[in-house]
């Protein structure tokens, strides 16, 4: 490659082939991650994105884009399994700050705090952790509504008491006005197995083509070295 600014860049074909095979291996890794996450709750598939000049910068030209389409929603027997039927993410508080997730498999601790499976506090739309005013005797006493309101049935008063509204936001942190919350459901990945398998085919072909080029160039180089050594 020769740039008008006077910078020259020349390299042998072996390096180019190795760089290309490394890139194809990383792309295959992204596809494989999607494939293995088919039944993972809340997982959103990743698209490999290759920028310009990949033949020169190799794997550094590769990035991942998240597919935010809705995944497969299936019924659950757990009342604290909650799915978002529209685009958006739950917010929870972690030691590293506020995080986003579409995995709505929640649980309660002994104090009535609504937690993720990793024991992080689930946040309300006002930024505070959701804590039930009373600890229910059974999970069926917890009601989660379409707009994200969380209430718990109080047997002493025979009424539903408000605990908070689930915070559902976009990946930019903007509140989702109509999250379409479904209680007693899990959202599985949005991975389409057929599409992922089809994506593997051209990646495999590119890898094999670069491997063949590497073998040919390596053999030619070996013969050249042998010829030079025999004449010396």
C-alpha atoms as a PDB file:
ATOM      1  CA  UNK A   1       0.000   0.000   0.000  1.00  0.00           C
ATOM      2  CA  UNK A   2       1.350   3.447  -0.922  1.00  0.00           C
ATOM      3  CA  UNK A   3      -0.238   6.612   0.453  1.00  0.00           C
ATOM      4  CA  UNK A   4      -0.018  10.009  -1.219  1.00  0.00           C
ATOM      5  CA  UNK A   5       1.530  11.441   1.906  1.00  0.00           C
ATOM      6  CA  UNK A   6       4.715   9.541   1.130  1.00  0.00           C
ATOM      7  CA  UNK A   7       4.174   6.622   3.531  1.00  0.00           C
ATOM      8  CA  UNK A   8       4.981   3.218   2.051  1.00  0.00           C
ATOM      9  CA  UNK A   9       3.678  -0.044   3.453  1.00  0.00           C
ATOM     10  CA  UNK A  10       4.793  -3.323   1.944  1.00  0.00           C
ATOM     11  CA  UNK A  11       4.565  -6.786   3.457  1.00  0.00           C
ATOM     12  CA  UNK A  12       4.800 -10.381   2.314  1.00  0.00           C
ATOM     13  CA  UNK A  13       1.825 -12.563   1.481  1.00  0.00           C
ATOM     14  CA  UNK A  14       2.431 -14.886   4.443  1.00  0.00           C
ATOM     15  CA  UNK A  15       1.688 -12.063   6.894  1.00  0.00           C
ATOM     16  CA  UNK A  16      -1.454 -11.083   5.004  1.00  0.00           C
ATOM     17  CA  UNK A  17      -2.752 -14.662   5.012  1.00  0.00           C
ATOM     18  CA  UNK A  18      -2.087 -15.094   8.728  1.00  0.00           C
ATOM     19  CA  UNK A  19      -3.814 -11.801   9.517  1.00  0.00           C
ATOM     20  CA  UNK A  20      -6.836 -12.815   7.424  1.00  0.00           C
ATOM     21  CA  UNK A  21      -7.083 -16.230   9.117  1.00  0.00           C
ATOM     22  CA  UNK A  22      -6.927 -14.540  12.523  1.00  0.00           C
ATOM     23  CA  UNK A  23      -9.768 -12.228  11.500  1.00  0.00           C
ATOM     24  CA  UNK A  24     -11.915 -15.107  10.222  1.00  0.00           C
ATOM     25  CA  UNK A  25     -11.283 -17.040  13.449  1.00  0.00           C
ATOM     26  CA  UNK A  26     -12.529 -14.115  15.529  1.00  0.00           C
ATOM     27  CA  UNK A  27     -15.645 -13.770  13.343  1.00  0.00           C
ATOM     28  CA  UNK A  28     -16.307 -17.476  13.780  1.00  0.00           C
ATOM     29  CA  UNK A  29     -15.992 -16.957  17.535  1.00  0.00           C
ATOM     30  CA  UNK A  30     -18.772 -14.346  17.503  1.00  0.00           C
ATOM     31  CA  UNK A  31     -21.051 -16.636  15.492  1.00  0.00           C
ATOM     32  CA  UNK A  32     -20.228 -19.533  17.816  1.00  0.00           C
ATOM     33  CA  UNK A  33     -21.133 -17.395  20.835  1.00  0.00           C
ATOM     34  CA  UNK A  34     -24.543 -16.704  19.275  1.00  0.00           C
ATOM     35  CA  UNK A  35     -25.036 -20.382  18.503  1.00  0.00           C
ATOM     36  CA  UNK A  36     -24.193 -21.484  22.050  1.00  0.00           C
ATOM     37  CA  UNK A  37     -26.473 -18.803  23.558  1.00  0.00           C
ATOM     38  CA  UNK A  38     -29.612 -19.922  21.702  1.00  0.00           C
ATOM     39  CA  UNK A  39     -31.442 -20.894  24.929  1.00  0.00           C
ATOM     40  CA  UNK A  40     -29.886 -18.206  27.133  1.00  0.00           C
ATOM     41  CA  UNK A  41     -32.423 -15.924  28.808  1.00  0.00           C
ATOM     42  CA  UNK A  42     -32.008 -12.261  27.898  1.00  0.00           C
ATOM     43  CA  UNK A  43     -29.190 -12.840  25.398  1.00  0.00           C
ATOM     44  CA  UNK A  44     -29.082 -10.593  22.328  1.00  0.00           C
ATOM     45  CA  UNK A  45     -27.179 -11.883  19.328  1.00  0.00           C
ATOM     46  CA  UNK A  46     -24.045 -10.113  18.144  1.00  0.00           C
ATOM     47  CA  UNK A  47     -23.290  -9.186  14.538  1.00  0.00           C
ATOM     48  CA  UNK A  48     -19.635  -9.131  13.442  1.00  0.00           C
ATOM     49  CA  UNK A  49     -18.830  -5.793  11.789  1.00  0.00           C
ATOM     50  CA  UNK A  50     -15.676  -5.515   9.668  1.00  0.00           C
ATOM     51  CA  UNK A  51     -14.423  -2.012   8.874  1.00  0.00           C
ATOM     52  CA  UNK A  52     -12.323  -0.828   5.943  1.00  0.00           C
ATOM     53  CA  UNK A  53      -8.671  -1.861   5.457  1.00  0.00           C
ATOM     54  CA  UNK A  54      -9.229  -5.166   7.255  1.00  0.00           C
ATOM     55  CA  UNK A  55      -6.615  -6.724   4.970  1.00  0.00           C
ATOM     56  CA  UNK A  56      -4.022  -4.428   6.579  1.00  0.00           C
ATOM     57  CA  UNK A  57      -5.144  -4.061  10.199  1.00  0.00           C
ATOM     58  CA  UNK A  58      -6.607  -7.561  10.596  1.00  0.00           C
ATOM     59  CA  UNK A  59      -8.565  -8.313  13.752  1.00  0.00           C
ATOM     60  CA  UNK A  60      -8.456  -4.643  14.790  1.00  0.00           C
ATOM     61  CA  UNK A  61     -10.966  -3.963  12.020  1.00  0.00           C
ATOM     62  CA  UNK A  62     -13.525  -6.216  13.725  1.00  0.00           C
ATOM     63  CA  UNK A  63     -16.200  -5.014  16.114  1.00  0.00           C
ATOM     64  CA  UNK A  64     -19.548  -6.313  17.380  1.00  0.00           C
ATOM     65  CA  UNK A  65     -23.018  -4.801  16.982  1.00  0.00           C
ATOM     66  CA  UNK A  66     -25.879  -5.931  19.207  1.00  0.00           C
ATOM     67  CA  UNK A  67     -29.129  -7.030  17.581  1.00  0.00           C
ATOM     68  CA  UNK A  68     -31.824  -5.534  19.846  1.00  0.00           C
ATOM     69  CA  UNK A  69     -34.799  -7.296  18.252  1.00  0.00           C
ATOM     70  CA  UNK A  70     -37.181  -9.099  20.616  1.00  0.00           C
ATOM     71  CA  UNK A  71     -36.321 -12.705  21.438  1.00  0.00           C
ATOM     72  CA  UNK A  72     -38.557 -15.719  21.983  1.00  0.00           C
ATOM     73  CA  UNK A  73     -40.892 -15.265  24.954  1.00  0.00           C
ATOM     74  CA  UNK A  74     -41.898 -18.384  26.844  1.00  0.00           C
ATOM     75  CA  UNK A  75     -44.098 -19.065  29.867  1.00  0.00           C
ATOM     76  CA  UNK A  76     -42.506 -19.636  33.267  1.00  0.00           C
ATOM     77  CA  UNK A  77     -43.896 -21.033  36.513  1.00  0.00           C
ATOM     78  CA  UNK A  78     -41.987 -18.444  38.569  1.00  0.00           C
ATOM     79  CA  UNK A  79     -44.010 -15.255  39.284  1.00  0.00           C
ATOM     80  CA  UNK A  80     -40.759 -13.290  39.526  1.00  0.00           C
ATOM     81  CA  UNK A  81     -39.701 -14.195  36.003  1.00  0.00           C
ATOM     82  CA  UNK A  82     -40.429 -11.024  34.051  1.00  0.00           C
ATOM     83  CA  UNK A  83     -40.040 -10.386  30.313  1.00  0.00           C
ATOM     84  CA  UNK A  84     -40.027  -7.151  28.313  1.00  0.00           C
ATOM     85  CA  UNK A  85     -42.162  -7.632  25.203  1.00  0.00           C
ATOM     86  CA  UNK A  86     -40.872  -4.384  23.645  1.00  0.00           C
ATOM     87  CA  UNK A  87     -37.345  -3.077  23.160  1.00  0.00           C
ATOM     88  CA  UNK A  88     -35.644  -1.943  26.335  1.00  0.00           C
ATOM     89  CA  UNK A  89     -33.605  -3.056  29.333  1.00  0.00           C
ATOM     90  CA  UNK A  90     -34.078  -3.443  33.070  1.00  0.00           C
ATOM     91  CA  UNK A  91     -31.732  -1.362  35.211  1.00  0.00           C
ATOM     92  CA  UNK A  92     -29.925  -2.784  38.220  1.00  0.00           C
ATOM     93  CA  UNK A  93     -27.294  -1.486  40.622  1.00  0.00           C
ATOM     94  CA  UNK A  94     -23.907  -3.227  40.542  1.00  0.00           C
ATOM     95  CA  UNK A  95     -20.623  -2.372  42.314  1.00  0.00           C
ATOM     96  CA  UNK A  96     -19.472  -0.905  38.978  1.00  0.00           C
ATOM     97  CA  UNK A  97     -22.511   1.320  38.591  1.00  0.00           C
ATOM     98  CA  UNK A  98     -25.895   0.992  36.922  1.00  0.00           C
ATOM     99  CA  UNK A  99     -26.099  -1.865  34.404  1.00  0.00           C
ATOM    100  CA  UNK A 100     -28.660  -2.950  31.809  1.00  0.00           C
ATOM    101  CA  UNK A 101     -30.108  -6.396  31.200  1.00  0.00           C
ATOM    102  CA  UNK A 102     -33.019  -8.123  29.514  1.00  0.00           C
ATOM    103  CA  UNK A 103     -32.730 -11.092  31.863  1.00  0.00           C
ATOM    104  CA  UNK A 104     -35.760 -10.646  34.103  1.00  0.00           C
ATOM    105  CA  UNK A 105     -35.280 -13.687  36.329  1.00  0.00           C
ATOM    106  CA  UNK A 106     -35.617 -11.879  39.641  1.00  0.00           C
ATOM    107  CA  UNK A 107     -35.842 -13.006  43.268  1.00  0.00           C
ATOM    108  CA  UNK A 108     -36.518 -11.600  46.745  1.00  0.00           C
ATOM    109  CA  UNK A 109     -34.239 -11.517  49.760  1.00  0.00           C
ATOM    110  CA  UNK A 110     -35.380 -11.739  53.383  1.00  0.00           C
ATOM    111  CA  UNK A 111     -35.922  -7.976  53.552  1.00  0.00           C
ATOM    112  CA  UNK A 112     -38.128  -7.888  50.455  1.00  0.00           C
ATOM    113  CA  UNK A 113     -35.529  -6.414  48.081  1.00  0.00           C
ATOM    114  CA  UNK A 114     -36.016  -7.323  44.434  1.00  0.00           C
ATOM    115  CA  UNK A 115     -32.739  -8.775  43.161  1.00  0.00           C
ATOM    116  CA  UNK A 116     -31.205 -10.185  40.001  1.00  0.00           C
ATOM    117  CA  UNK A 117     -29.848 -13.739  39.996  1.00  0.00           C
ATOM    118  CA  UNK A 118     -26.434 -12.231  40.823  1.00  0.00           C
ATOM    119  CA  UNK A 119     -27.903 -10.528  43.941  1.00  0.00           C
ATOM    120  CA  UNK A 120     -27.851  -7.009  42.500  1.00  0.00           C
ATOM    121  CA  UNK A 121     -30.701  -4.639  43.369  1.00  0.00           C
ATOM    122  CA  UNK A 122     -33.283  -4.024  40.657  1.00  0.00           C
ATOM    123  CA  UNK A 123     -34.007  -0.315  40.198  1.00  0.00           C
ATOM    124  CA  UNK A 124     -37.275   1.571  40.001  1.00  0.00           C
ATOM    125  CA  UNK A 125     -37.891   4.349  37.475  1.00  0.00           C
ATOM    126  CA  UNK A 126     -36.951   6.938  40.108  1.00  0.00           C
ATOM    127  CA  UNK A 127     -33.477   5.403  40.432  1.00  0.00           C
ATOM    128  CA  UNK A 128     -34.035   3.770  43.820  1.00  0.00           C
ATOM    129  CA  UNK A 129     -33.898   0.017  44.530  1.00  0.00           C
ATOM    130  CA  UNK A 130     -37.259  -1.737  44.567  1.00  0.00           C
ATOM    131  CA  UNK A 131     -38.150  -3.033  48.019  1.00  0.00           C
ATOM    132  CA  UNK A 132     -41.524  -4.543  48.855  1.00  0.00           C
ATOM    133  CA  UNK A 133     -43.320  -2.899  51.825  1.00  0.00           C
ATOM    134  CA  UNK A 134     -43.949  -6.396  53.227  1.00  0.00           C
ATOM    135  CA  UNK A 135     -42.315  -9.750  52.595  1.00  0.00           C
ATOM    136  CA  UNK A 136     -44.973 -11.989  50.997  1.00  0.00           C
ATOM    137  CA  UNK A 137     -45.676 -15.491  52.241  1.00  0.00           C
ATOM    138  CA  UNK A 138     -45.727 -16.703  48.651  1.00  0.00           C
ATOM    139  CA  UNK A 139     -44.402 -15.262  45.412  1.00  0.00           C
ATOM    140  CA  UNK A 140     -47.869 -15.346  43.862  1.00  0.00           C
ATOM    141  CA  UNK A 141     -48.729 -12.392  46.138  1.00  0.00           C
ATOM    142  CA  UNK A 142     -46.387 -10.217  44.058  1.00  0.00           C
ATOM    143  CA  UNK A 143     -48.077  -8.611  41.063  1.00  0.00           C
ATOM    144  CA  UNK A 144     -46.215  -6.965  38.184  1.00  0.00           C
ATOM    145  CA  UNK A 145     -48.255  -4.966  35.720  1.00  0.00           C
ATOM    146  CA  UNK A 146     -47.820  -4.207  32.028  1.00  0.00           C
ATOM    147  CA  UNK A 147     -46.393  -0.733  32.712  1.00  0.00           C
ATOM    148  CA  UNK A 148     -43.884  -2.152  35.210  1.00  0.00           C
ATOM    149  CA  UNK A 149     -45.721  -1.351  38.458  1.00  0.00           C
ATOM    150  CA  UNK A 150     -44.795  -3.794  41.225  1.00  0.00           C
ATOM    151  CA  UNK A 151     -47.305  -4.422  43.999  1.00  0.00           C
ATOM    152  CA  UNK A 152     -47.633  -6.946  46.810  1.00  0.00           C
ATOM    153  CA  UNK A 153     -50.787  -8.257  48.448  1.00  0.00           C
ATOM    154  CA  UNK A 154     -51.028  -7.396  52.135  1.00  0.00           C
ATOM    155  CA  UNK A 155     -53.237  -9.911  53.933  1.00  0.00           C
ATOM    156  CA  UNK A 156     -53.558  -7.662  56.963  1.00  0.00           C
ATOM    157  CA  UNK A 157     -55.254  -4.915  54.964  1.00  0.00           C
ATOM    158  CA  UNK A 158     -56.508  -7.134  52.143  1.00  0.00           C
ATOM    159  CA  UNK A 159     -55.043  -4.635  49.686  1.00  0.00           C
ATOM    160  CA  UNK A 160     -52.268  -4.433  47.078  1.00  0.00           C
ATOM    161  CA  UNK A 161     -49.459  -2.174  48.244  1.00  0.00           C
ATOM    162  CA  UNK A 162     -47.282  -0.338  45.736  1.00  0.00           C
ATOM    163  CA  UNK A 163     -43.530  -1.090  45.807  1.00  0.00           C
ATOM    164  CA  UNK A 164     -42.287   0.796  42.744  1.00  0.00           C
ATOM    165  CA  UNK A 165     -42.223   0.795  38.970  1.00  0.00           C
ATOM    166  CA  UNK A 166     -39.547  -1.181  37.177  1.00  0.00           C
ATOM    167  CA  UNK A 167     -37.063   1.013  35.356  1.00  0.00           C
ATOM    168  CA  UNK A 168     -37.031   0.044  31.677  1.00  0.00           C
ATOM    169  CA  UNK A 169     -34.796   2.141  29.446  1.00  0.00           C
ATOM    170  CA  UNK A 170     -33.188   2.122  26.003  1.00  0.00           C
ATOM    171  CA  UNK A 171     -29.478   1.403  25.603  1.00  0.00           C
ATOM    172  CA  UNK A 172     -29.036   5.200  25.760  1.00  0.00           C
ATOM    173  CA  UNK A 173     -30.724   5.393  29.160  1.00  0.00           C
ATOM    174  CA  UNK A 174     -33.982   6.922  27.897  1.00  0.00           C
ATOM    175  CA  UNK A 175     -37.120   5.698  29.658  1.00  0.00           C
ATOM    176  CA  UNK A 176     -39.354   3.318  27.692  1.00  0.00           C
ATOM    177  CA  UNK A 177     -42.929   4.535  28.111  1.00  0.00           C
ATOM    178  CA  UNK A 178     -44.604   1.289  27.015  1.00  0.00           C
ATOM    179  CA  UNK A 179     -42.359  -1.631  28.069  1.00  0.00           C
ATOM    180  CA  UNK A 180     -45.201  -4.193  27.835  1.00  0.00           C
ATOM    181  CA  UNK A 181     -44.062  -6.170  30.861  1.00  0.00           C
ATOM    182  CA  UNK A 182     -45.150  -9.814  31.093  1.00  0.00           C
ATOM    183  CA  UNK A 183     -45.087 -11.465  34.512  1.00  0.00           C
ATOM    184  CA  UNK A 184     -44.396 -15.185  34.587  1.00  0.00           C
ATOM    185  CA  UNK A 185     -42.488 -15.201  31.305  1.00  0.00           C
ATOM    186  CA  UNK A 186     -38.872 -15.454  30.186  1.00  0.00           C
ATOM    187  CA  UNK A 187     -37.406 -13.905  27.066  1.00  0.00           C
ATOM    188  CA  UNK A 188     -34.924 -16.255  25.445  1.00  0.00           C
ATOM    189  CA  UNK A 189     -32.322 -15.192  22.913  1.00  0.00           C
ATOM    190  CA  UNK A 190     -33.182 -13.660  19.537  1.00  0.00           C
ATOM    191  CA  UNK A 191     -30.750 -16.048  17.833  1.00  0.00           C
ATOM    192  CA  UNK A 192     -31.957 -17.796  14.681  1.00  0.00           C
ATOM    193  CA  UNK A 193     -30.024 -21.053  14.408  1.00  0.00           C
ATOM    194  CA  UNK A 194     -30.557 -21.338  10.660  1.00  0.00           C
ATOM    195  CA  UNK A 195     -29.154 -17.845  10.049  1.00  0.00           C
ATOM    196  CA  UNK A 196     -26.116 -18.472  12.240  1.00  0.00           C
ATOM    197  CA  UNK A 197     -25.285 -21.695  10.375  1.00  0.00           C
ATOM    198  CA  UNK A 198     -25.574 -19.882   7.042  1.00  0.00           C
ATOM    199  CA  UNK A 199     -23.197 -17.181   8.291  1.00  0.00           C
ATOM    200  CA  UNK A 200     -20.553 -19.786   9.084  1.00  0.00           C
ATOM    201  CA  UNK A 201     -20.307 -20.992   5.463  1.00  0.00           C
ATOM    202  CA  UNK A 202     -18.639 -17.907   3.874  1.00  0.00           C
ATOM    203  CA  UNK A 203     -16.400 -17.443   6.936  1.00  0.00           C
ATOM    204  CA  UNK A 204     -15.188 -21.024   6.631  1.00  0.00           C
ATOM    205  CA  UNK A 205     -14.597 -20.618   2.884  1.00  0.00           C
ATOM    206  CA  UNK A 206     -12.584 -17.427   3.420  1.00  0.00           C
ATOM    207  CA  UNK A 207     -10.492 -19.115   6.082  1.00  0.00           C
ATOM    208  CA  UNK A 208      -9.785 -22.125   3.848  1.00  0.00           C
ATOM    209  CA  UNK A 209      -8.849 -19.848   0.926  1.00  0.00           C
ATOM    210  CA  UNK A 210      -6.366 -17.936   3.073  1.00  0.00           C
ATOM    211  CA  UNK A 211      -4.993 -21.172   4.517  1.00  0.00           C
ATOM    212  CA  UNK A 212      -4.376 -22.513   1.003  1.00  0.00           C
ATOM    213  CA  UNK A 213      -2.646 -19.252   0.059  1.00  0.00           C
ATOM    214  CA  UNK A 214      -0.465 -19.538   3.151  1.00  0.00           C
ATOM    215  CA  UNK A 215       0.478 -23.132   2.302  1.00  0.00           C
ATOM    216  CA  UNK A 216       1.319 -22.246  -1.324  1.00  0.00           C
ATOM    217  CA  UNK A 217       3.406 -19.223  -0.327  1.00  0.00           C
ATOM    218  CA  UNK A 218       5.158 -21.134   2.425  1.00  0.00           C
ATOM    219  CA  UNK A 219       6.036 -23.979   0.031  1.00  0.00           C
ATOM    220  CA  UNK A 220       7.340 -21.506  -2.562  1.00  0.00           C
ATOM    221  CA  UNK A 221       9.438 -19.774   0.067  1.00  0.00           C
ATOM    222  CA  UNK A 222      10.832 -23.115   1.272  1.00  0.00           C
ATOM    223  CA  UNK A 223      11.795 -24.124  -2.279  1.00  0.00           C
ATOM    224  CA  UNK A 224      13.446 -20.737  -2.848  1.00  0.00           C
ATOM    225  CA  UNK A 225      15.497 -21.117   0.314  1.00  0.00           C
ATOM    226  CA  UNK A 226      16.522 -24.647  -0.637  1.00  0.00           C
ATOM    227  CA  UNK A 227      17.544 -23.482  -4.139  1.00  0.00           C
ATOM    228  CA  UNK A 228      19.615 -20.615  -2.759  1.00  0.00           C
ATOM    229  CA  UNK A 229      21.301 -22.825  -0.189  1.00  0.00           C
ATOM    230  CA  UNK A 230      22.177 -25.477  -2.790  1.00  0.00           C
ATOM    231  CA  UNK A 231      23.830 -22.920  -5.082  1.00  0.00           C
ATOM    232  CA  UNK A 232      25.874 -21.284  -2.384  1.00  0.00           C
END
